PDB file of N, CA and C in Angstrom:
ATOM      1  N   UNK A   1       0.836  -1.176   0.000  1.00  0.00           N
ATOM      2  CA  UNK A   1       0.000   0.000   0.000  1.00  0.00           C
ATOM      3  C   UNK A   1       0.882   1.240   0.000  1.00  0.00           C
ATOM      4  N   UNK A   2       0.451   2.247  -0.738  1.00  0.00           N
ATOM      5  CA  UNK A   2       1.211   3.481  -0.869  1.00  0.00           C
ATOM      6  C   UNK A   2       1.066   4.323   0.384  1.00  0.00           C
ATOM      7  N   UNK A   3       2.185   4.639   0.991  1.00  0.00           N
ATOM      8  CA  UNK A   3       2.163   5.495   2.174  1.00  0.00           C
ATOM      9  C   UNK A   3       2.492   6.915   1.762  1.00  0.00           C
ATOM     10  N   UNK A   4       1.451   7.698   1.583  1.00  0.00           N
ATOM     11  CA  UNK A   4       1.636   9.100   1.218  1.00  0.00           C
ATOM     12  C   UNK A   4       1.900   9.897   2.479  1.00  0.00           C
ATOM     13  N   UNK A   5       2.715  10.928   2.378  1.00  0.00           N
ATOM     14  CA  UNK A   5       2.909  11.757   3.549  1.00  0.00           C
ATOM     15  C   UNK A   5       1.589  12.409   3.931  1.00  0.00           C
ATOM     16  N   UNK A   6       1.370  12.466   5.211  1.00  0.00           N
ATOM     17  CA  UNK A   6       0.136  13.081   5.678  1.00  0.00           C
ATOM     18  C   UNK A   6       0.186  14.570   5.389  1.00  0.00           C
ATOM     19  N   UNK A   7      -0.919  15.053   4.859  1.00  0.00           N
ATOM     20  CA  UNK A   7      -1.020  16.484   4.616  1.00  0.00           C
ATOM     21  C   UNK A   7      -2.018  17.046   5.593  1.00  0.00           C
ATOM     22  N   UNK A   8      -1.815  18.271   5.918  1.00  0.00           N
ATOM     23  CA  UNK A   8      -2.756  18.894   6.831  1.00  0.00           C
ATOM     24  C   UNK A   8      -4.083  19.074   6.120  1.00  0.00           C
ATOM     25  N   UNK A   9      -5.129  19.111   6.890  1.00  0.00           N
ATOM     26  CA  UNK A   9      -6.449  19.315   6.329  1.00  0.00           C
ATOM     27  C   UNK A   9      -6.488  20.647   5.592  1.00  0.00           C
ATOM     28  N   UNK A  10      -5.755  21.622   6.068  1.00  0.00           N
ATOM     29  CA  UNK A  10      -5.777  22.930   5.431  1.00  0.00           C
ATOM     30  C   UNK A  10      -5.183  22.875   4.025  1.00  0.00           C
ATOM     31  N   UNK A  11      -4.207  22.009   3.790  1.00  0.00           N
ATOM     32  CA  UNK A  11      -3.640  21.898   2.447  1.00  0.00           C
ATOM     33  C   UNK A  11      -4.684  21.372   1.480  1.00  0.00           C
ATOM     34  N   UNK A  12      -5.422  20.352   1.892  1.00  0.00           N
ATOM     35  CA  UNK A  12      -6.478  19.806   1.058  1.00  0.00           C
ATOM     36  C   UNK A  12      -7.600  20.818   0.879  1.00  0.00           C
ATOM     37  N   UNK A  13      -8.008  21.433   1.977  1.00  0.00           N
ATOM     38  CA  UNK A  13      -9.068  22.436   1.899  1.00  0.00           C
ATOM     39  C   UNK A  13      -8.625  23.593   1.023  1.00  0.00           C
ATOM     40  N   UNK A  14      -7.352  23.933   1.094  1.00  0.00           N
ATOM     41  CA  UNK A  14      -6.837  25.023   0.295  1.00  0.00           C
ATOM     42  C   UNK A  14      -7.022  24.717  -1.189  1.00  0.00           C
ATOM     43  N   UNK A  15      -6.669  23.513  -1.624  1.00  0.00           N
ATOM     44  CA  UNK A  15      -6.860  23.151  -3.022  1.00  0.00           C
ATOM     45  C   UNK A  15      -8.340  23.178  -3.364  1.00  0.00           C
ATOM     46  N   UNK A  16      -9.139  22.510  -2.549  1.00  0.00           N
ATOM     47  CA  UNK A  16     -10.574  22.434  -2.832  1.00  0.00           C
ATOM     48  C   UNK A  16     -11.210  23.818  -2.846  1.00  0.00           C
ATOM     49  N   UNK A  17     -10.842  24.649  -1.906  1.00  0.00           N
ATOM     50  CA  UNK A  17     -11.393  25.998  -1.838  1.00  0.00           C
ATOM     51  C   UNK A  17     -10.976  26.803  -3.068  1.00  0.00           C
ATOM     52  N   UNK A  18      -9.724  26.738  -3.441  1.00  0.00           N
ATOM     53  CA  UNK A  18      -9.254  27.499  -4.596  1.00  0.00           C
ATOM     54  C   UNK A  18      -9.835  26.970  -5.901  1.00  0.00           C
ATOM     55  N   UNK A  19     -10.018  25.684  -5.996  1.00  0.00           N
ATOM     56  CA  UNK A  19     -10.654  25.106  -7.175  1.00  0.00           C
ATOM     57  C   UNK A  19     -12.108  25.571  -7.269  1.00  0.00           C
ATOM     58  N   UNK A  20     -12.771  25.623  -6.123  1.00  0.00           N
ATOM     59  CA  UNK A  20     -14.157  26.113  -6.085  1.00  0.00           C
ATOM     60  C   UNK A  20     -14.211  27.569  -6.530  1.00  0.00           C
ATOM     61  N   UNK A  21     -13.252  28.384  -6.076  1.00  0.00           N
ATOM     62  CA  UNK A  21     -13.184  29.790  -6.479  1.00  0.00           C
ATOM     63  C   UNK A  21     -13.064  29.887  -7.998  1.00  0.00           C
ATOM     64  N   UNK A  22     -12.192  29.095  -8.594  1.00  0.00           N
ATOM     65  CA  UNK A  22     -12.025  29.114 -10.048  1.00  0.00           C
ATOM     66  C   UNK A  22     -13.321  28.751 -10.761  1.00  0.00           C
ATOM     67  N   UNK A  23     -13.984  27.719 -10.286  1.00  0.00           N
ATOM     68  CA  UNK A  23     -15.240  27.305 -10.913  1.00  0.00           C
ATOM     69  C   UNK A  23     -16.311  28.390 -10.784  1.00  0.00           C
ATOM     70  N   UNK A  24     -16.397  29.010  -9.605  1.00  0.00           N
ATOM     71  CA  UNK A  24     -17.399  30.050  -9.395  1.00  0.00           C
ATOM     72  C   UNK A  24     -17.156  31.259 -10.290  1.00  0.00           C
ATOM     73  N   UNK A  25     -15.914  31.690 -10.382  1.00  0.00           N
ATOM     74  CA  UNK A  25     -15.604  32.851 -11.220  1.00  0.00           C
ATOM     75  C   UNK A  25     -15.875  32.528 -12.688  1.00  0.00           C
ATOM     76  N   UNK A  26     -15.506  31.358 -13.128  1.00  0.00           N
ATOM     77  CA  UNK A  26     -15.772  30.958 -14.515  1.00  0.00           C
ATOM     78  C   UNK A  26     -17.275  30.960 -14.784  1.00  0.00           C
ATOM     79  N   UNK A  27     -18.044  30.432 -13.855  1.00  0.00           N
ATOM     80  CA  UNK A  27     -19.502  30.394 -14.023  1.00  0.00           C
ATOM     81  C   UNK A  27     -20.085  31.812 -14.034  1.00  0.00           C
ATOM     82  N   UNK A  28     -19.603  32.677 -13.148  1.00  0.00           N
ATOM     83  CA  UNK A  28     -20.084  34.066 -13.124  1.00  0.00           C
ATOM     84  C   UNK A  28     -19.810  34.755 -14.459  1.00  0.00           C
ATOM     85  N   UNK A  29     -18.616  34.577 -14.963  1.00  0.00           N
ATOM     86  CA  UNK A  29     -18.260  35.205 -16.238  1.00  0.00           C
ATOM     87  C   UNK A  29     -19.067  34.620 -17.392  1.00  0.00           C
ATOM     88  N   UNK A  30     -19.282  33.328 -17.353  1.00  0.00           N
ATOM     89  CA  UNK A  30     -20.071  32.666 -18.394  1.00  0.00           C
ATOM     90  C   UNK A  30     -21.503  33.188 -18.387  1.00  0.00           C
ATOM     91  N   UNK A  31     -22.116  33.230 -17.199  1.00  0.00           N
ATOM     92  CA  UNK A  31     -23.487  33.726 -17.083  1.00  0.00           C
ATOM     93  C   UNK A  31     -23.581  35.188 -17.487  1.00  0.00           C
ATOM     94  N   UNK A  32     -22.621  35.973 -17.035  1.00  0.00           N
ATOM     95  CA  UNK A  32     -22.630  37.400 -17.331  1.00  0.00           C
ATOM     96  C   UNK A  32     -22.530  37.648 -18.837  1.00  0.00           C
ATOM     97  N   UNK A  33     -21.700  36.887 -19.499  1.00  0.00           N
ATOM     98  CA  UNK A  33     -21.523  37.093 -20.934  1.00  0.00           C
ATOM     99  C   UNK A  33     -22.762  36.714 -21.723  1.00  0.00           C
ATOM    100  N   UNK A  34     -23.593  35.859 -21.175  1.00  0.00           N
ATOM    101  CA  UNK A  34     -24.795  35.419 -21.869  1.00  0.00           C
ATOM    102  C   UNK A  34     -26.003  36.302 -21.585  1.00  0.00           C
ATOM    103  N   UNK A  35     -26.034  36.958 -20.416  1.00  0.00           N
ATOM    104  CA  UNK A  35     -27.246  37.638 -19.994  1.00  0.00           C
ATOM    105  C   UNK A  35     -27.096  39.130 -19.737  1.00  0.00           C
ATOM    106  N   UNK A  36     -25.889  39.625 -19.614  1.00  0.00           N
ATOM    107  CA  UNK A  36     -25.705  41.011 -19.220  1.00  0.00           C
ATOM    108  C   UNK A  36     -24.557  41.635 -19.996  1.00  0.00           C
ATOM    109  N   UNK A  37     -24.467  42.949 -19.863  1.00  0.00           N
ATOM    110  CA  UNK A  37     -23.281  43.631 -20.348  1.00  0.00           C
ATOM    111  C   UNK A  37     -22.143  43.289 -19.410  1.00  0.00           C
ATOM    112  N   UNK A  38     -20.945  43.181 -19.919  1.00  0.00           N
ATOM    113  CA  UNK A  38     -19.815  42.823 -19.044  1.00  0.00           C
ATOM    114  C   UNK A  38     -19.581  43.869 -17.956  1.00  0.00           C
ATOM    115  N   UNK A  39     -19.267  43.386 -16.772  1.00  0.00           N
ATOM    116  CA  UNK A  39     -18.921  44.266 -15.651  1.00  0.00           C
ATOM    117  C   UNK A  39     -17.415  44.480 -15.693  1.00  0.00           C
ATOM    118  N   UNK A  40     -17.002  45.466 -16.452  1.00  0.00           N
ATOM    119  CA  UNK A  40     -15.579  45.726 -16.642  1.00  0.00           C
ATOM    120  C   UNK A  40     -14.906  46.089 -15.323  1.00  0.00           C
ATOM    121  N   UNK A  41     -15.594  46.850 -14.471  1.00  0.00           N
ATOM    122  CA  UNK A  41     -15.007  47.243 -13.189  1.00  0.00           C
ATOM    123  C   UNK A  41     -14.772  46.043 -12.278  1.00  0.00           C
ATOM    124  N   UNK A  42     -15.605  45.029 -12.395  1.00  0.00           N
ATOM    125  CA  UNK A  42     -15.447  43.843 -11.562  1.00  0.00           C
ATOM    126  C   UNK A  42     -14.527  42.794 -12.164  1.00  0.00           C
ATOM    127  N   UNK A  43     -14.140  42.987 -13.415  1.00  0.00           N
ATOM    128  CA  UNK A  43     -13.339  41.983 -14.101  1.00  0.00           C
ATOM    129  C   UNK A  43     -11.930  41.854 -13.519  1.00  0.00           C
ATOM    130  N   UNK A  44     -11.264  42.976 -13.271  1.00  0.00           N
ATOM    131  CA  UNK A  44      -9.886  42.921 -12.767  1.00  0.00           C
ATOM    132  C   UNK A  44      -9.806  42.238 -11.403  1.00  0.00           C
ATOM    133  N   UNK A  45     -10.663  42.601 -10.424  1.00  0.00           N
ATOM    134  CA  UNK A  45     -10.590  41.884  -9.137  1.00  0.00           C
ATOM    135  C   UNK A  45     -10.866  40.379  -9.280  1.00  0.00           C
ATOM    136  N   UNK A  46     -11.809  40.024 -10.165  1.00  0.00           N
ATOM    137  CA  UNK A  46     -12.088  38.594 -10.379  1.00  0.00           C
ATOM    138  C   UNK A  46     -10.889  37.907 -11.016  1.00  0.00           C
ATOM    139  N   UNK A  47     -10.264  38.580 -11.970  1.00  0.00           N
ATOM    140  CA  UNK A  47      -9.097  38.011 -12.628  1.00  0.00           C
ATOM    141  C   UNK A  47      -7.947  37.830 -11.645  1.00  0.00           C
ATOM    142  N   UNK A  48      -7.724  38.805 -10.775  1.00  0.00           N
ATOM    143  CA  UNK A  48      -6.665  38.696  -9.768  1.00  0.00           C
ATOM    144  C   UNK A  48      -6.948  37.553  -8.796  1.00  0.00           C
ATOM    145  N   UNK A  49      -8.208  37.441  -8.366  1.00  0.00           N
ATOM    146  CA  UNK A  49      -8.586  36.365  -7.440  1.00  0.00           C
ATOM    147  C   UNK A  49      -8.429  34.998  -8.115  1.00  0.00           C
ATOM    148  N   UNK A  50      -8.855  34.899  -9.367  1.00  0.00           N
ATOM    149  CA  UNK A  50      -8.736  33.643 -10.103  1.00  0.00           C
ATOM    150  C   UNK A  50      -7.268  33.284 -10.330  1.00  0.00           C
ATOM    151  N   UNK A  51      -6.455  34.274 -10.602  1.00  0.00           N
ATOM    152  CA  UNK A  51      -5.030  34.028 -10.825  1.00  0.00           C
ATOM    153  C   UNK A  51      -4.361  33.482  -9.572  1.00  0.00           C
ATOM    154  N   UNK A  52      -4.688  34.050  -8.421  1.00  0.00           N
ATOM    155  CA  UNK A  52      -4.133  33.542  -7.147  1.00  0.00           C
ATOM    156  C   UNK A  52      -4.610  32.116  -6.889  1.00  0.00           C
ATOM    157  N   UNK A  53      -5.905  31.882  -7.101  1.00  0.00           N
ATOM    158  CA  UNK A  53      -6.461  30.545  -6.871  1.00  0.00           C
ATOM    159  C   UNK A  53      -5.814  29.525  -7.804  1.00  0.00           C
ATOM    160  N   UNK A  54      -5.634  29.899  -9.057  1.00  0.00           N
ATOM    161  CA  UNK A  54      -5.006  29.004 -10.026  1.00  0.00           C
ATOM    162  C   UNK A  54      -3.579  28.652  -9.607  1.00  0.00           C
ATOM    163  N   UNK A  55      -2.819  29.667  -9.207  1.00  0.00           N
ATOM    164  CA  UNK A  55      -1.436  29.435  -8.788  1.00  0.00           C
ATOM    165  C   UNK A  55      -1.361  28.475  -7.604  1.00  0.00           C
ATOM    166  N   UNK A  56      -2.254  28.641  -6.641  1.00  0.00           N
ATOM    167  CA  UNK A  56      -2.257  27.752  -5.477  1.00  0.00           C
ATOM    168  C   UNK A  56      -2.650  26.331  -5.860  1.00  0.00           C
ATOM    169  N   UNK A  57      -3.596  26.194  -6.773  1.00  0.00           N
ATOM    170  CA  UNK A  57      -3.980  24.853  -7.231  1.00  0.00           C
ATOM    171  C   UNK A  57      -2.811  24.174  -7.948  1.00  0.00           C
ATOM    172  N   UNK A  58      -2.122  24.913  -8.801  1.00  0.00           N
ATOM    173  CA  UNK A  58      -0.976  24.351  -9.531  1.00  0.00           C
ATOM    174  C   UNK A  58       0.117  23.923  -8.552  1.00  0.00           C
ATOM    175  N   UNK A  59       0.399  24.763  -7.556  1.00  0.00           N
ATOM    176  CA  UNK A  59       1.417  24.413  -6.562  1.00  0.00           C
ATOM    177  C   UNK A  59       1.052  23.125  -5.844  1.00  0.00           C
ATOM    178  N   UNK A  60      -0.203  22.993  -5.476  1.00  0.00           N
ATOM    179  CA  UNK A  60      -0.645  21.794  -4.756  1.00  0.00           C
ATOM    180  C   UNK A  60      -0.558  20.557  -5.646  1.00  0.00           C
ATOM    181  N   UNK A  61      -0.978  20.683  -6.894  1.00  0.00           N
ATOM    182  CA  UNK A  61      -0.908  19.555  -7.819  1.00  0.00           C
ATOM    183  C   UNK A  61       0.540  19.134  -8.069  1.00  0.00           C
ATOM    184  N   UNK A  62       1.435  20.101  -8.179  1.00  0.00           N
ATOM    185  CA  UNK A  62       2.849  19.781  -8.368  1.00  0.00           C
ATOM    186  C   UNK A  62       3.418  19.069  -7.143  1.00  0.00           C
ATOM    187  N   UNK A  63       3.000  19.479  -5.955  1.00  0.00           N
ATOM    188  CA  UNK A  63       3.466  18.822  -4.731  1.00  0.00           C
ATOM    189  C   UNK A  63       2.971  17.373  -4.666  1.00  0.00           C
ATOM    190  N   UNK A  64       1.731  17.162  -5.063  1.00  0.00           N
ATOM    191  CA  UNK A  64       1.184  15.797  -5.062  1.00  0.00           C
ATOM    192  C   UNK A  64       1.895  14.946  -6.105  1.00  0.00           C
ATOM    193  N   UNK A  65       2.136  15.501  -7.296  1.00  0.00           N
ATOM    194  CA  UNK A  65       2.851  14.754  -8.337  1.00  0.00           C
ATOM    195  C   UNK A  65       4.244  14.367  -7.850  1.00  0.00           C
ATOM    196  N   UNK A  66       4.925  15.297  -7.209  1.00  0.00           N
ATOM    197  CA  UNK A  66       6.269  15.003  -6.693  1.00  0.00           C
ATOM    198  C   UNK A  66       6.220  13.871  -5.677  1.00  0.00           C
ATOM    199  N   UNK A  67       5.247  13.919  -4.775  1.00  0.00           N
ATOM    200  CA  UNK A  67       5.109  12.867  -3.765  1.00  0.00           C
ATOM    201  C   UNK A  67       4.817  11.521  -4.420  1.00  0.00           C
ATOM    202  N   UNK A  68       3.959  11.529  -5.422  1.00  0.00           N
ATOM    203  CA  UNK A  68       3.654  10.283  -6.128  1.00  0.00           C
ATOM    204  C   UNK A  68       4.879   9.748  -6.850  1.00  0.00           C
ATOM    205  N   UNK A  69       5.612  10.640  -7.505  1.00  0.00           N
ATOM    206  CA  UNK A  69       6.828  10.221  -8.213  1.00  0.00           C
ATOM    207  C   UNK A  69       7.853   9.619  -7.260  1.00  0.00           C
ATOM    208  N   UNK A  70       7.922  10.161  -6.049  1.00  0.00           N
ATOM    209  CA  UNK A  70       8.874   9.650  -5.067  1.00  0.00           C
ATOM    210  C   UNK A  70       8.452   8.294  -4.516  1.00  0.00           C
ATOM    211  N   UNK A  71       7.153   8.100  -4.343  1.00  0.00           N
ATOM    212  CA  UNK A  71       6.671   6.892  -3.676  1.00  0.00           C
ATOM    213  C   UNK A  71       6.296   5.763  -4.626  1.00  0.00           C
ATOM    214  N   UNK A  72       5.820   6.083  -5.803  1.00  0.00           N
ATOM    215  CA  UNK A  72       5.396   5.021  -6.706  1.00  0.00           C
ATOM    216  C   UNK A  72       6.538   4.150  -7.191  1.00  0.00           C
ATOM    217  N   UNK A  73       7.700   4.687  -7.532  1.00  0.00           N
ATOM    218  CA  UNK A  73       8.794   3.786  -7.923  1.00  0.00           C
ATOM    219  C   UNK A  73       9.170   2.825  -6.798  1.00  0.00           C
ATOM    220  N   UNK A  74       9.141   3.301  -5.561  1.00  0.00           N
ATOM    221  CA  UNK A  74       9.452   2.435  -4.423  1.00  0.00           C
ATOM    222  C   UNK A  74       8.408   1.340  -4.297  1.00  0.00           C
ATOM    223  N   UNK A  75       7.144   1.686  -4.488  1.00  0.00           N
ATOM    224  CA  UNK A  75       6.067   0.703  -4.386  1.00  0.00           C
ATOM    225  C   UNK A  75       6.179  -0.325  -5.509  1.00  0.00           C
ATOM    226  N   UNK A  76       6.531   0.113  -6.718  1.00  0.00           N
ATOM    227  CA  UNK A  76       6.681  -0.809  -7.845  1.00  0.00           C
ATOM    228  C   UNK A  76       7.833  -1.778  -7.607  1.00  0.00           C
ATOM    229  N   UNK A  77       8.944  -1.293  -7.063  1.00  0.00           N
ATOM    230  CA  UNK A  77      10.085  -2.159  -6.765  1.00  0.00           C
ATOM    231  C   UNK A  77       9.724  -3.178  -5.694  1.00  0.00           C
ATOM    232  N   UNK A  78       8.989  -2.757  -4.689  1.00  0.00           N
ATOM    233  CA  UNK A  78       8.564  -3.666  -3.623  1.00  0.00           C
ATOM    234  C   UNK A  78       7.668  -4.762  -4.168  1.00  0.00           C
ATOM    235  N   UNK A  79       6.775  -4.406  -5.060  1.00  0.00           N
ATOM    236  CA  UNK A  79       5.855  -5.386  -5.653  1.00  0.00           C
ATOM    237  C   UNK A  79       6.619  -6.399  -6.487  1.00  0.00           C
ATOM    238  N   UNK A  80       7.624  -5.956  -7.237  1.00  0.00           N
ATOM    239  CA  UNK A  80       8.406  -6.868  -8.064  1.00  0.00           C
ATOM    240  C   UNK A  80       9.191  -7.844  -7.199  1.00  0.00           C
ATOM    241  N   UNK A  81       9.702  -7.400  -6.068  1.00  0.00           N
ATOM    242  CA  UNK A  81      10.460  -8.267  -5.166  1.00  0.00           C
ATOM    243  C   UNK A  81       9.583  -9.359  -4.587  1.00  0.00           C
ATOM    244  N   UNK A  82       8.302  -9.060  -4.370  1.00  0.00           N
ATOM    245  CA  UNK A  82       7.373 -10.033  -3.789  1.00  0.00           C
ATOM    246  C   UNK A  82       6.992 -11.105  -4.789  1.00  0.00           C
ATOM    247  N   UNK A  83       7.092 -10.811  -6.091  1.00  0.00           N
ATOM    248  CA  UNK A  83       6.714 -11.776  -7.125  1.00  0.00           C
ATOM    249  C   UNK A  83       7.696 -12.855  -7.268  1.00  0.00           C
TER     250      UNK A  83
END
């Protein structure tokens, strides 16, 4: 079994929260473009918030990929030894 390093709940919540922010902003922009004139004044703050959320999601995904890369080769070698 793969033993992943324990992450704090806040790290997971951080990804989930930031991913939710990205989805909400995308939906707001999608709805706005279909039903209203664009809110140009609100666009920059939304873009800045989305950019921060995106960066945090990418950082978290890269950290998980690194952890998987470190642990999966070890797990594969262990499985081969057992065969």
